[in-house]
């Protein structure tokens, strides 16, 4: 999470969050507020370990391609672009479906016209 985002959630400035990050220790009330703002348990912060994080990340990403796609998805601009592309693809699928349905209806009408002409003869 970016400092700016956390600052907004805590109603602080980005500089204040930076100072919090650089502290060697923190009172439990502040720790709880930060954990709540980040939607994680306070124990996750209390028991944080760089080694543990590296192990989890290496377990999750077995290859660089997976890691790269994860990083791109977490980039807000890339995520917006991906959502826009998904929306555009869904729109194109809907248009194609409507066109097929319209063509099917036209074929039904043409068939009914033929049947009606044959019946009237």
Protein backbone atom coordinates (compact mmCIF):
# COMPACT_ATOMS: atom_id res chain seq x y z
CA UNK A 1 0.00 0.00 0.00
CA UNK A 2 1.29 3.44 -0.85
CA UNK A 3 1.96 5.92 1.92
CA UNK A 4 -0.54 8.32 0.37
CA UNK A 5 -3.30 5.71 0.49
CA UNK A 6 -2.57 4.78 4.08
CA UNK A 7 -2.35 8.44 5.04
CA UNK A 8 -5.79 9.07 3.55
CA UNK A 9 -7.28 6.13 5.44
CA UNK A 10 -5.72 7.34 8.70
CA UNK A 11 -6.52 11.01 8.10
CA UNK A 12 -2.81 11.84 8.24
CA UNK A 13 -0.30 13.36 5.87
CA UNK A 14 2.03 11.25 3.79
CA UNK A 15 4.94 12.66 5.80
CA UNK A 16 3.33 11.45 9.05
CA UNK A 17 2.98 7.94 7.64
CA UNK A 18 6.62 8.06 6.56
CA UNK A 19 7.61 8.95 10.12
CA UNK A 20 5.49 6.08 11.44
CA UNK A 21 7.26 3.66 9.10
CA UNK A 22 10.67 4.77 10.33
CA UNK A 23 9.86 4.30 14.02
CA UNK A 24 11.59 1.50 15.88
CA UNK A 25 8.53 0.92 18.08
CA UNK A 26 4.89 1.95 18.18
CA UNK A 27 2.12 1.93 20.78
CA UNK A 28 -0.59 -0.71 20.43
CA UNK A 29 -3.37 1.80 19.73
CA UNK A 30 -1.51 3.23 16.72
CA UNK A 31 -0.64 -0.26 15.55
CA UNK A 32 -4.32 -1.28 15.70
CA UNK A 33 -5.36 1.81 13.73
CA UNK A 34 -2.81 1.05 11.02
CA UNK A 35 -3.84 -2.62 10.87
CA UNK A 36 -7.51 -1.65 10.57
CA UNK A 37 -6.72 0.86 7.82
CA UNK A 38 -4.83 -1.83 5.92
CA UNK A 39 -7.54 -4.46 6.57
CA UNK A 40 -5.07 -6.88 8.12
CA UNK A 41 -4.76 -8.33 11.63
CA UNK A 42 -2.44 -6.38 13.93
CA UNK A 43 -0.54 -9.64 14.53
CA UNK A 44 0.52 -9.56 10.88
CA UNK A 45 2.35 -6.31 11.62
CA UNK A 46 3.65 -7.40 15.01
CA UNK A 47 5.06 -10.64 13.60
CA UNK A 48 6.27 -9.20 10.32
CA UNK A 49 9.49 -10.68 8.99
CA UNK A 50 11.26 -9.90 5.71
CA UNK A 51 12.37 -13.52 5.42
CA UNK A 52 8.83 -14.81 5.87
CA UNK A 53 7.52 -12.41 3.20
CA UNK A 54 10.22 -13.48 0.75
CA UNK A 55 9.37 -17.14 1.36
CA UNK A 56 5.66 -16.53 0.78
CA UNK A 57 6.29 -14.52 -2.37
CA UNK A 58 8.69 -17.13 -3.75
CA UNK A 59 6.12 -19.86 -3.01
CA UNK A 60 3.35 -17.94 -4.76
CA UNK A 61 5.37 -17.05 -7.84
CA UNK A 62 7.11 -20.02 -9.34
CA UNK A 63 8.01 -18.17 -12.52
CA UNK A 64 8.67 -14.59 -13.56
CA UNK A 65 5.66 -14.39 -15.91
CA UNK A 66 3.25 -15.00 -13.05
CA UNK A 67 5.00 -12.42 -10.90
CA UNK A 68 4.94 -9.89 -13.74
CA UNK A 69 1.20 -10.36 -14.30
CA UNK A 70 0.59 -9.96 -10.56
CA UNK A 71 2.58 -6.75 -10.48
CA UNK A 72 0.69 -5.39 -13.47
CA UNK A 73 -2.67 -6.20 -11.93
CA UNK A 74 -1.73 -4.34 -8.76
CA UNK A 75 -0.73 -1.25 -10.71
CA UNK A 76 -3.89 0.93 -10.59
CA UNK A 77 -3.49 2.30 -14.11
CA UNK A 78 -2.83 -1.14 -15.55
CA UNK A 79 -5.86 -2.46 -13.66
CA UNK A 80 -8.08 0.29 -15.10
CA UNK A 81 -6.81 -0.49 -18.59
CA UNK A 82 -7.42 -4.22 -18.06
CA UNK A 83 -10.96 -3.55 -16.84
CA UNK A 84 -11.61 -1.27 -19.81
CA UNK A 85 -10.33 -3.97 -22.19
CA UNK A 86 -12.55 -6.57 -20.50
CA UNK A 87 -15.54 -4.25 -20.80
CA UNK A 88 -14.77 -3.59 -24.47
CA UNK A 89 -14.45 -7.33 -25.15
CA UNK A 90 -17.79 -8.01 -23.42
CA UNK A 91 -19.41 -5.24 -25.45
CA UNK A 92 -18.09 -6.76 -28.68
CA UNK A 93 -19.40 -10.18 -27.63
CA UNK A 94 -22.84 -8.70 -26.90
CA UNK A 95 -22.93 -6.93 -30.27
CA UNK A 96 -21.98 -10.16 -32.04
CA UNK A 97 -24.67 -12.06 -30.12
CA UNK A 98 -27.33 -9.44 -30.97
CA UNK A 99 -26.31 -9.56 -34.63
CA UNK A 100 -26.64 -13.36 -34.67
CA UNK A 101 -30.04 -13.12 -32.95
CA UNK A 102 -31.20 -10.50 -35.46
CA UNK A 103 -30.04 -12.66 -38.37
CA UNK A 104 -31.88 -15.63 -36.88
CA UNK A 105 -35.06 -13.57 -36.57
CA UNK A 106 -34.73 -12.39 -40.18
CA UNK A 107 -34.38 -16.00 -41.32
CA UNK A 108 -37.49 -16.98 -39.33
CA UNK A 109 -39.50 -14.14 -40.89
CA UNK A 110 -38.33 -15.13 -44.37
CA UNK A 111 -39.29 -18.76 -43.73
CA UNK A 112 -42.71 -17.73 -42.39
CA UNK A 113 -43.27 -15.54 -45.47
CA UNK A 114 -42.50 -18.51 -47.75
CA UNK A 115 -44.83 -20.78 -45.76
CA UNK A 116 -47.57 -18.17 -45.84
CA UNK A 117 -47.22 -17.68 -49.63
CA UNK A 118 -47.33 -21.44 -50.17
CA UNK A 119 -50.43 -21.74 -47.99
CA UNK A 120 -52.20 -18.91 -49.84
CA UNK A 121 -51.70 -20.52 -53.27
